[in-house]
Protein backbone atom coordinates (compact mmCIF):
# COMPACT_ATOMS: atom_id res chain seq x y z
CA UNK A 1 0.00 0.00 0.00
CA UNK A 2 1.23 3.49 -0.81
CA UNK A 3 0.50 6.32 1.61
CA UNK A 4 0.17 10.01 0.89
CA UNK A 5 2.80 12.12 2.64
CA UNK A 6 1.72 15.62 3.61
CA UNK A 7 3.23 18.25 5.88
CA UNK A 8 1.50 20.32 8.48
CA UNK A 9 2.02 24.07 8.51
CA UNK A 10 4.22 23.67 11.58
CA UNK A 11 6.38 21.06 9.84
CA UNK A 12 6.85 23.39 6.89
CA UNK A 13 7.79 26.25 9.23
CA UNK A 14 10.29 24.01 11.06
CA UNK A 15 11.86 22.93 7.75
CA UNK A 16 12.07 26.57 6.66
CA UNK A 17 13.76 27.55 9.93
CA UNK A 18 16.26 24.71 9.59
CA UNK A 19 16.94 25.75 5.99
CA UNK A 20 17.66 29.33 7.07
CA UNK A 21 20.01 28.14 9.81
CA UNK A 22 21.89 25.75 7.55
CA UNK A 23 22.14 28.39 4.84
CA UNK A 24 23.93 30.61 7.37
CA UNK A 25 26.42 27.98 8.55
CA UNK A 26 26.88 25.87 5.40
CA UNK A 27 25.55 27.72 2.34
CA UNK A 28 27.24 25.34 -0.08
CA UNK A 29 25.29 22.37 1.33
CA UNK A 30 21.88 23.83 2.05
CA UNK A 31 20.15 22.89 -1.21
CA UNK A 32 21.40 19.31 -1.02
CA UNK A 33 20.23 19.14 2.61
CA UNK A 34 16.73 20.30 1.68
CA UNK A 35 16.48 17.93 -1.29
CA UNK A 36 17.64 14.99 0.84
CA UNK A 37 15.23 15.94 3.65
CA UNK A 38 12.26 15.77 1.30
CA UNK A 39 13.55 12.55 -0.25
CA UNK A 40 13.75 11.03 3.24
CA UNK A 41 10.19 12.12 4.00
CA UNK A 42 8.93 10.67 0.73
CA UNK A 43 10.24 7.22 1.73
CA UNK A 44 7.42 7.23 4.26
CA UNK A 45 4.96 6.73 1.40
CA UNK A 46 6.05 3.11 0.99
CA UNK A 47 7.01 1.84 4.45
CA UNK A 48 6.05 4.19 7.28
CA UNK A 49 5.60 1.39 9.82
CA UNK A 50 9.37 0.69 9.72
CA UNK A 51 9.86 3.74 11.94
CA UNK A 52 9.55 3.40 15.72
CA UNK A 53 6.93 4.98 17.94
CA UNK A 54 8.06 8.11 19.74
CA UNK A 55 8.42 7.97 23.53
CA UNK A 56 5.84 10.76 23.84
CA UNK A 57 3.16 8.82 21.94
CA UNK A 58 1.19 7.87 25.07
CA UNK A 59 1.17 11.47 26.32
CA UNK A 60 0.00 12.68 22.91
CA UNK A 61 -2.80 10.14 22.86
CA UNK A 62 -2.01 8.72 19.43
CA UNK A 63 0.61 6.39 17.98
CA UNK A 64 3.02 8.93 16.50
CA UNK A 65 6.27 7.68 15.00
CA UNK A 66 9.51 9.31 13.96
CA UNK A 67 12.08 9.16 11.20
CA UNK A 68 15.54 10.45 12.05
CA UNK A 69 17.29 12.45 9.36
CA UNK A 70 20.84 13.81 9.42
CA UNK A 71 23.97 13.12 11.39
CA UNK A 72 25.44 14.08 14.76
CA UNK A 73 24.50 17.66 15.71
CA UNK A 74 22.52 18.01 12.49
CA UNK A 75 20.01 15.30 13.42
CA UNK A 76 16.36 16.14 12.76
CA UNK A 77 13.35 14.18 13.91
CA UNK A 78 10.41 13.90 11.54
CA UNK A 79 7.35 13.09 13.62
CA UNK A 80 4.36 11.60 11.83
CA UNK A 81 1.37 9.34 12.16
CA UNK A 82 -0.09 6.75 9.82
CA UNK A 83 -3.68 7.18 8.77
CA UNK A 84 -5.24 4.19 7.04
PDB file of N, CA and C in Angstrom:
ATOM      1  N   UNK A   1       0.839  -1.177   0.000  1.00  0.00           N
ATOM      2  CA  UNK A   1       0.000   0.000   0.000  1.00  0.00           C
ATOM      3  C   UNK A   1       0.889   1.247   0.000  1.00  0.00           C
ATOM      4  N   UNK A   2       0.508   2.222  -0.768  1.00  0.00           N
ATOM      5  CA  UNK A   2       1.234   3.486  -0.809  1.00  0.00           C
ATOM      6  C   UNK A   2       0.444   4.535  -0.044  1.00  0.00           C
ATOM      7  N   UNK A   3       1.121   5.272   0.790  1.00  0.00           N
ATOM      8  CA  UNK A   3       0.501   6.321   1.606  1.00  0.00           C
ATOM      9  C   UNK A   3       0.800   7.688   1.008  1.00  0.00           C
ATOM     10  N   UNK A   4      -0.061   8.627   1.302  1.00  0.00           N
ATOM     11  CA  UNK A   4       0.169  10.015   0.889  1.00  0.00           C
ATOM     12  C   UNK A   4       0.942  10.706   2.008  1.00  0.00           C
ATOM     13  N   UNK A   5       2.003  11.385   1.660  1.00  0.00           N
ATOM     14  CA  UNK A   5       2.801  12.115   2.635  1.00  0.00           C
ATOM     15  C   UNK A   5       2.447  13.597   2.514  1.00  0.00           C
ATOM     16  N   UNK A   6       2.032  14.183   3.618  1.00  0.00           N
ATOM     17  CA  UNK A   6       1.723  15.617   3.607  1.00  0.00           C
ATOM     18  C   UNK A   6       2.304  16.249   4.867  1.00  0.00           C
ATOM     19  N   UNK A   7       2.615  17.523   4.764  1.00  0.00           N
ATOM     20  CA  UNK A   7       3.227  18.251   5.876  1.00  0.00           C
ATOM     21  C   UNK A   7       2.215  19.201   6.497  1.00  0.00           C
ATOM     22  N   UNK A   8       2.315  19.322   7.802  1.00  0.00           N
ATOM     23  CA  UNK A   8       1.504  20.324   8.483  1.00  0.00           C
ATOM     24  C   UNK A   8       2.174  21.684   8.306  1.00  0.00           C
ATOM     25  N   UNK A   9       1.446  22.726   8.602  1.00  0.00           N
ATOM     26  CA  UNK A   9       2.019  24.071   8.515  1.00  0.00           C
ATOM     27  C   UNK A   9       3.211  24.203   9.460  1.00  0.00           C
ATOM     28  N   UNK A  10       3.106  23.598  10.630  1.00  0.00           N
ATOM     29  CA  UNK A  10       4.219  23.665  11.581  1.00  0.00           C
ATOM     30  C   UNK A  10       5.456  22.940  11.053  1.00  0.00           C
ATOM     31  N   UNK A  11       5.250  21.793  10.405  1.00  0.00           N
ATOM     32  CA  UNK A  11       6.383  21.058   9.839  1.00  0.00           C
ATOM     33  C   UNK A  11       7.060  21.876   8.751  1.00  0.00           C
ATOM     34  N   UNK A  12       6.274  22.536   7.924  1.00  0.00           N
ATOM     35  CA  UNK A  12       6.849  23.386   6.885  1.00  0.00           C
ATOM     36  C   UNK A  12       7.640  24.541   7.502  1.00  0.00           C
ATOM     37  N   UNK A  13       7.093  25.143   8.559  1.00  0.00           N
ATOM     38  CA  UNK A  13       7.791  26.247   9.232  1.00  0.00           C
ATOM     39  C   UNK A  13       9.093  25.759   9.864  1.00  0.00           C
ATOM     40  N   UNK A  14       9.069  24.579  10.461  1.00  0.00           N
ATOM     41  CA  UNK A  14      10.287  24.015  11.059  1.00  0.00           C
ATOM     42  C   UNK A  14      11.345  23.737   9.987  1.00  0.00           C
ATOM     43  N   UNK A  15      10.921  23.195   8.844  1.00  0.00           N
ATOM     44  CA  UNK A  15      11.860  22.928   7.753  1.00  0.00           C
ATOM     45  C   UNK A  15      12.434  24.239   7.213  1.00  0.00           C
ATOM     46  N   UNK A  16      11.590  25.255   7.111  1.00  0.00           N
ATOM     47  CA  UNK A  16      12.068  26.571   6.660  1.00  0.00           C
ATOM     48  C   UNK A  16      13.101  27.141   7.629  1.00  0.00           C
ATOM     49  N   UNK A  17      12.827  27.028   8.924  1.00  0.00           N
ATOM     50  CA  UNK A  17      13.758  27.549   9.931  1.00  0.00           C
ATOM     51  C   UNK A  17      15.086  26.805   9.875  1.00  0.00           C
ATOM     52  N   UNK A  18      15.034  25.490   9.702  1.00  0.00           N
ATOM     53  CA  UNK A  18      16.264  24.709   9.592  1.00  0.00           C
ATOM     54  C   UNK A  18      17.027  25.103   8.336  1.00  0.00           C
ATOM     55  N   UNK A  19      16.309  25.330   7.244  1.00  0.00           N
ATOM     56  CA  UNK A  19      16.936  25.752   5.992  1.00  0.00           C
ATOM     57  C   UNK A  19      17.677  27.074   6.181  1.00  0.00           C
ATOM     58  N   UNK A  20      17.036  28.034   6.836  1.00  0.00           N
ATOM     59  CA  UNK A  20      17.661  29.335   7.069  1.00  0.00           C
ATOM     60  C   UNK A  20      18.927  29.174   7.908  1.00  0.00           C
ATOM     61  N   UNK A  21      18.840  28.363   8.955  1.00  0.00           N
ATOM     62  CA  UNK A  21      20.009  28.144   9.814  1.00  0.00           C
ATOM     63  C   UNK A  21      21.152  27.487   9.030  1.00  0.00           C
ATOM     64  N   UNK A  22      20.842  26.449   8.294  1.00  0.00           N
ATOM     65  CA  UNK A  22      21.887  25.747   7.552  1.00  0.00           C
ATOM     66  C   UNK A  22      22.467  26.636   6.461  1.00  0.00           C
ATOM     67  N   UNK A  23      21.644  27.461   5.864  1.00  0.00           N
ATOM     68  CA  UNK A  23      22.136  28.385   4.839  1.00  0.00           C
ATOM     69  C   UNK A  23      23.164  29.348   5.431  1.00  0.00           C
ATOM     70  N   UNK A  24      22.989  29.700   6.703  1.00  0.00           N
ATOM     71  CA  UNK A  24      23.935  30.608   7.369  1.00  0.00           C
ATOM     72  C   UNK A  24      25.262  29.920   7.696  1.00  0.00           C
ATOM     73  N   UNK A  25      25.196  28.663   8.111  1.00  0.00           N
ATOM     74  CA  UNK A  25      26.416  27.978   8.547  1.00  0.00           C
ATOM     75  C   UNK A  25      27.082  27.140   7.467  1.00  0.00           C
ATOM     76  N   UNK A  26      26.319  26.705   6.475  1.00  0.00           N
ATOM     77  CA  UNK A  26      26.881  25.866   5.400  1.00  0.00           C
ATOM     78  C   UNK A  26      26.148  26.148   4.089  1.00  0.00           C
ATOM     79  N   UNK A  27      26.309  27.347   3.538  1.00  0.00           N
ATOM     80  CA  UNK A  27      25.548  27.720   2.337  1.00  0.00           C
ATOM     81  C   UNK A  27      25.782  26.814   1.132  1.00  0.00           C
ATOM     82  N   UNK A  28      26.944  26.204   1.052  1.00  0.00           N
ATOM     83  CA  UNK A  28      27.244  25.338  -0.080  1.00  0.00           C
ATOM     84  C   UNK A  28      26.515  23.999  -0.013  1.00  0.00           C
ATOM     85  N   UNK A  29      25.967  23.656   1.151  1.00  0.00           N
ATOM     86  CA  UNK A  29      25.295  22.367   1.325  1.00  0.00           C
ATOM     87  C   UNK A  29      23.794  22.475   1.513  1.00  0.00           C
ATOM     88  N   UNK A  30      23.276  23.669   1.636  1.00  0.00           N
ATOM     89  CA  UNK A  30      21.883  23.829   2.047  1.00  0.00           C
ATOM     90  C   UNK A  30      20.884  23.248   1.045  1.00  0.00           C
ATOM     91  N   UNK A  31      21.119  23.403  -0.231  1.00  0.00           N
ATOM     92  CA  UNK A  31      20.153  22.887  -1.211  1.00  0.00           C
ATOM     93  C   UNK A  31      20.155  21.359  -1.254  1.00  0.00           C
ATOM     94  N   UNK A  32      21.327  20.764  -1.098  1.00  0.00           N
ATOM     95  CA  UNK A  32      21.400  19.310  -1.021  1.00  0.00           C
ATOM     96  C   UNK A  32      20.690  18.814   0.241  1.00  0.00           C
ATOM     97  N   UNK A  33      20.885  19.521   1.351  1.00  0.00           N
ATOM     98  CA  UNK A  33      20.235  19.145   2.605  1.00  0.00           C
ATOM     99  C   UNK A  33      18.720  19.147   2.437  1.00  0.00           C
ATOM    100  N   UNK A  34      18.175  20.193   1.842  1.00  0.00           N
ATOM    101  CA  UNK A  34      16.726  20.303   1.677  1.00  0.00           C
ATOM    102  C   UNK A  34      16.205  19.215   0.745  1.00  0.00           C
ATOM    103  N   UNK A  35      16.892  18.980  -0.350  1.00  0.00           N
ATOM    104  CA  UNK A  35      16.477  17.929  -1.286  1.00  0.00           C
ATOM    105  C   UNK A  35      16.477  16.568  -0.584  1.00  0.00           C
ATOM    106  N   UNK A  36      17.547  16.278   0.151  1.00  0.00           N
ATOM    107  CA  UNK A  36      17.641  14.990   0.837  1.00  0.00           C
ATOM    108  C   UNK A  36      16.609  14.859   1.950  1.00  0.00           C
ATOM    109  N   UNK A  37      16.281  15.972   2.618  1.00  0.00           N
ATOM    110  CA  UNK A  37      15.233  15.945   3.645  1.00  0.00           C
ATOM    111  C   UNK A  37      13.908  15.512   3.035  1.00  0.00           C
ATOM    112  N   UNK A  38      13.532  16.125   1.928  1.00  0.00           N
ATOM    113  CA  UNK A  38      12.263  15.773   1.298  1.00  0.00           C
ATOM    114  C   UNK A  38      12.294  14.361   0.715  1.00  0.00           C
ATOM    115  N   UNK A  39      13.441  13.931   0.227  1.00  0.00           N
ATOM    116  CA  UNK A  39      13.553  12.552  -0.253  1.00  0.00           C
ATOM    117  C   UNK A  39      13.357  11.569   0.903  1.00  0.00           C
ATOM    118  N   UNK A  40      13.923  11.884   2.065  1.00  0.00           N
ATOM    119  CA  UNK A  40      13.751  11.028   3.242  1.00  0.00           C
ATOM    120  C   UNK A  40      12.278  10.969   3.647  1.00  0.00           C
ATOM    121  N   UNK A  41      11.616  12.112   3.636  1.00  0.00           N
ATOM    122  CA  UNK A  41      10.193  12.123   4.001  1.00  0.00           C
ATOM    123  C   UNK A  41       9.356  11.326   3.010  1.00  0.00           C
ATOM    124  N   UNK A  42       9.712  11.376   1.741  1.00  0.00           N
ATOM    125  CA  UNK A  42       8.928  10.665   0.734  1.00  0.00           C
ATOM    126  C   UNK A  42       9.074   9.145   0.852  1.00  0.00           C
ATOM    127  N   UNK A  43      10.126   8.665   1.516  1.00  0.00           N
ATOM    128  CA  UNK A  43      10.242   7.220   1.730  1.00  0.00           C
ATOM    129  C   UNK A  43       9.135   6.714   2.645  1.00  0.00           C
ATOM    130  N   UNK A  44       8.516   7.623   3.373  1.00  0.00           N
ATOM    131  CA  UNK A  44       7.420   7.226   4.263  1.00  0.00           C
ATOM    132  C   UNK A  44       6.190   6.780   3.485  1.00  0.00           C
ATOM    133  N   UNK A  45       6.101   7.126   2.219  1.00  0.00           N
ATOM    134  CA  UNK A  45       4.955   6.732   1.400  1.00  0.00           C
ATOM    135  C   UNK A  45       4.888   5.214   1.238  1.00  0.00           C
ATOM    136  N   UNK A  46       6.030   4.556   1.235  1.00  0.00           N
ATOM    137  CA  UNK A  46       6.054   3.114   0.993  1.00  0.00           C
ATOM    138  C   UNK A  46       6.082   2.264   2.260  1.00  0.00           C
ATOM    139  N   UNK A  47       6.849   2.674   3.251  1.00  0.00           N
ATOM    140  CA  UNK A  47       7.009   1.836   4.446  1.00  0.00           C
ATOM    141  C   UNK A  47       7.051   2.662   5.720  1.00  0.00           C
ATOM    142  N   UNK A  48       5.993   3.352   6.081  1.00  0.00           N
ATOM    143  CA  UNK A  48       6.048   4.190   7.276  1.00  0.00           C
ATOM    144  C   UNK A  48       6.138   3.397   8.576  1.00  0.00           C
ATOM    145  N   UNK A  49       5.614   2.187   8.587  1.00  0.00           N
ATOM    146  CA  UNK A  49       5.600   1.393   9.824  1.00  0.00           C
ATOM    147  C   UNK A  49       6.990   0.905  10.224  1.00  0.00           C
ATOM    148  N   UNK A  50       7.993   1.095   9.366  1.00  0.00           N
ATOM    149  CA  UNK A  50       9.369   0.693   9.721  1.00  0.00           C
ATOM    150  C   UNK A  50       9.941   1.581  10.812  1.00  0.00           C
ATOM    151  N   UNK A  51       9.359   2.757  10.974  1.00  0.00           N
ATOM    152  CA  UNK A  51       9.863   3.738  11.943  1.00  0.00           C
ATOM    153  C   UNK A  51       9.256   3.482  13.319  1.00  0.00           C
ATOM    154  N   UNK A  52      10.034   3.691  14.369  1.00  0.00           N
ATOM    155  CA  UNK A  52       9.547   3.401  15.721  1.00  0.00           C
ATOM    156  C   UNK A  52       8.573   4.461  16.243  1.00  0.00           C
ATOM    157  N   UNK A  53       7.797   4.045  17.228  1.00  0.00           N
ATOM    158  CA  UNK A  53       6.927   4.977  17.941  1.00  0.00           C
ATOM    159  C   UNK A  53       7.783   5.923  18.763  1.00  0.00           C
ATOM    160  N   UNK A  54       7.318   7.148  18.932  1.00  0.00           N
ATOM    161  CA  UNK A  54       8.063   8.105  19.740  1.00  0.00           C
ATOM    162  C   UNK A  54       7.744   7.873  21.210  1.00  0.00           C
ATOM    163  N   UNK A  55       8.668   8.172  22.107  1.00  0.00           N
ATOM    164  CA  UNK A  55       8.421   7.975  23.532  1.00  0.00           C
ATOM    165  C   UNK A  55       7.225   8.781  24.040  1.00  0.00           C
ATOM    166  N   UNK A  56       6.941   9.904  23.401  1.00  0.00           N
ATOM    167  CA  UNK A  56       5.841  10.764  23.844  1.00  0.00           C
ATOM    168  C   UNK A  56       4.476  10.327  23.322  1.00  0.00           C
ATOM    169  N   UNK A  57       4.401   9.234  22.590  1.00  0.00           N
ATOM    170  CA  UNK A  57       3.156   8.824  21.940  1.00  0.00           C
ATOM    171  C   UNK A  57       2.005   8.675  22.936  1.00  0.00           C
ATOM    172  N   UNK A  58       2.263   8.056  24.080  1.00  0.00           N
ATOM    173  CA  UNK A  58       1.195   7.873  25.075  1.00  0.00           C
ATOM    174  C   UNK A  58       0.677   9.209  25.575  1.00  0.00           C
ATOM    175  N   UNK A  59       1.576  10.148  25.842  1.00  0.00           N
ATOM    176  CA  UNK A  59       1.165  11.470  26.325  1.00  0.00           C
ATOM    177  C   UNK A  59       0.381  12.227  25.260  1.00  0.00           C
ATOM    178  N   UNK A  60       0.717  12.016  23.995  1.00  0.00           N
ATOM    179  CA  UNK A  60       0.004  12.677  22.909  1.00  0.00           C
ATOM    180  C   UNK A  60      -1.365  12.069  22.663  1.00  0.00           C
ATOM    181  N   UNK A  61      -1.516  10.810  23.043  1.00  0.00           N
ATOM    182  CA  UNK A  61      -2.796  10.143  22.862  1.00  0.00           C
ATOM    183  C   UNK A  61      -2.985   9.526  21.487  1.00  0.00           C
ATOM    184  N   UNK A  62      -1.939   9.425  20.707  1.00  0.00           N
ATOM    185  CA  UNK A  62      -2.013   8.724  19.426  1.00  0.00           C
ATOM    186  C   UNK A  62      -0.641   8.146  19.079  1.00  0.00           C
ATOM    187  N   UNK A  63      -0.638   7.113  18.256  1.00  0.00           N
ATOM    188  CA  UNK A  63       0.610   6.387  17.984  1.00  0.00           C
ATOM    189  C   UNK A  63       1.527   7.086  16.977  1.00  0.00           C
ATOM    190  N   UNK A  64       2.101   8.191  17.375  1.00  0.00           N
ATOM    191  CA  UNK A  64       3.019   8.929  16.502  1.00  0.00           C
ATOM    192  C   UNK A  64       4.346   8.183  16.404  1.00  0.00           C
ATOM    193  N   UNK A  65       4.983   8.321  15.266  1.00  0.00           N
ATOM    194  CA  UNK A  65       6.267   7.681  14.996  1.00  0.00           C
ATOM    195  C   UNK A  65       7.269   8.750  14.602  1.00  0.00           C
ATOM    196  N   UNK A  66       8.530   8.344  14.450  1.00  0.00           N
ATOM    197  CA  UNK A  66       9.513   9.306  13.964  1.00  0.00           C
ATOM    198  C   UNK A  66      10.523   8.660  13.024  1.00  0.00           C
ATOM    199  N   UNK A  67      11.014   9.518  12.132  1.00  0.00           N
ATOM    200  CA  UNK A  67      12.076   9.164  11.204  1.00  0.00           C
ATOM    201  C   UNK A  67      13.214  10.131  11.498  1.00  0.00           C
ATOM    202  N   UNK A  68      14.379   9.603  11.772  1.00  0.00           N
ATOM    203  CA  UNK A  68      15.539  10.451  12.052  1.00  0.00           C
ATOM    204  C   UNK A  68      16.255  10.753  10.747  1.00  0.00           C
ATOM    205  N   UNK A  69      16.615  12.018  10.575  1.00  0.00           N
ATOM    206  CA  UNK A  69      17.293  12.451   9.363  1.00  0.00           C
ATOM    207  C   UNK A  69      18.496  13.297   9.754  1.00  0.00           C
ATOM    208  N   UNK A  70      19.640  13.027   9.156  1.00  0.00           N
ATOM    209  CA  UNK A  70      20.838  13.805   9.419  1.00  0.00           C
ATOM    210  C   UNK A  70      21.845  13.030  10.227  1.00  0.00           C
ATOM    211  N   UNK A  71      22.879  13.739  10.651  1.00  0.00           N
ATOM    212  CA  UNK A  71      23.975  13.122  11.395  1.00  0.00           C
ATOM    213  C   UNK A  71      24.388  14.025  12.555  1.00  0.00           C
ATOM    214  N   UNK A  72      24.857  13.391  13.595  1.00  0.00           N
ATOM    215  CA  UNK A  72      25.441  14.075  14.761  1.00  0.00           C
ATOM    216  C   UNK A  72      24.616  15.284  15.213  1.00  0.00           C
ATOM    217  N   UNK A  73      25.214  16.464  15.220  1.00  0.00           N
ATOM    218  CA  UNK A  73      24.504  17.656  15.707  1.00  0.00           C
ATOM    219  C   UNK A  73      23.480  18.163  14.706  1.00  0.00           C
ATOM    220  N   UNK A  74      23.488  17.622  13.506  1.00  0.00           N
ATOM    221  CA  UNK A  74      22.516  18.014  12.487  1.00  0.00           C
ATOM    222  C   UNK A  74      21.390  17.011  12.347  1.00  0.00           C
ATOM    223  N   UNK A  75      21.057  16.317  13.443  1.00  0.00           N
ATOM    224  CA  UNK A  75      20.006  15.304  13.421  1.00  0.00           C
ATOM    225  C   UNK A  75      18.642  15.984  13.580  1.00  0.00           C
ATOM    226  N   UNK A  76      17.720  15.626  12.706  1.00  0.00           N
ATOM    227  CA  UNK A  76      16.364  16.144  12.762  1.00  0.00           C
ATOM    228  C   UNK A  76      15.407  14.980  12.918  1.00  0.00           C
ATOM    229  N   UNK A  77      14.347  15.229  13.651  1.00  0.00           N
ATOM    230  CA  UNK A  77      13.355  14.183  13.907  1.00  0.00           C
ATOM    231  C   UNK A  77      12.070  14.556  13.180  1.00  0.00           C
ATOM    232  N   UNK A  78      11.647  13.704  12.285  1.00  0.00           N
ATOM    233  CA  UNK A  78      10.411  13.901  11.544  1.00  0.00           C
ATOM    234  C   UNK A  78       9.345  13.086  12.248  1.00  0.00           C
ATOM    235  N   UNK A  79       8.401  13.757  12.871  1.00  0.00           N
ATOM    236  CA  UNK A  79       7.349  13.093  13.624  1.00  0.00           C
ATOM    237  C   UNK A  79       6.116  12.992  12.732  1.00  0.00           C
ATOM    238  N   UNK A  80       5.509  11.814  12.705  1.00  0.00           N
ATOM    239  CA  UNK A  80       4.360  11.601  11.826  1.00  0.00           C
ATOM    240  C   UNK A  80       3.443  10.531  12.401  1.00  0.00           C
ATOM    241  N   UNK A  81       2.258  10.432  11.822  1.00  0.00           N
ATOM    242  CA  UNK A  81       1.372   9.341  12.161  1.00  0.00           C
ATOM    243  C   UNK A  81       0.863   8.723  10.866  1.00  0.00           C
ATOM    244  N   UNK A  82       0.413   7.495  10.972  1.00  0.00           N
ATOM    245  CA  UNK A  82      -0.088   6.754   9.818  1.00  0.00           C
ATOM    246  C   UNK A  82      -1.599   6.742   9.894  1.00  0.00           C
ATOM    247  N   UNK A  83      -2.217   7.197   8.833  1.00  0.00           N
ATOM    248  CA  UNK A  83      -3.678   7.176   8.769  1.00  0.00           C
ATOM    249  C   UNK A  83      -4.086   6.231   7.650  1.00  0.00           C
ATOM    250  N   UNK A  84      -4.802   5.193   8.026  1.00  0.00           N
ATOM    251  CA  UNK A  84      -5.243   4.192   7.035  1.00  0.00           C
ATOM    252  C   UNK A  84      -6.390   4.736   6.203  1.00  0.00           C
TER     253      UNK A  84
END
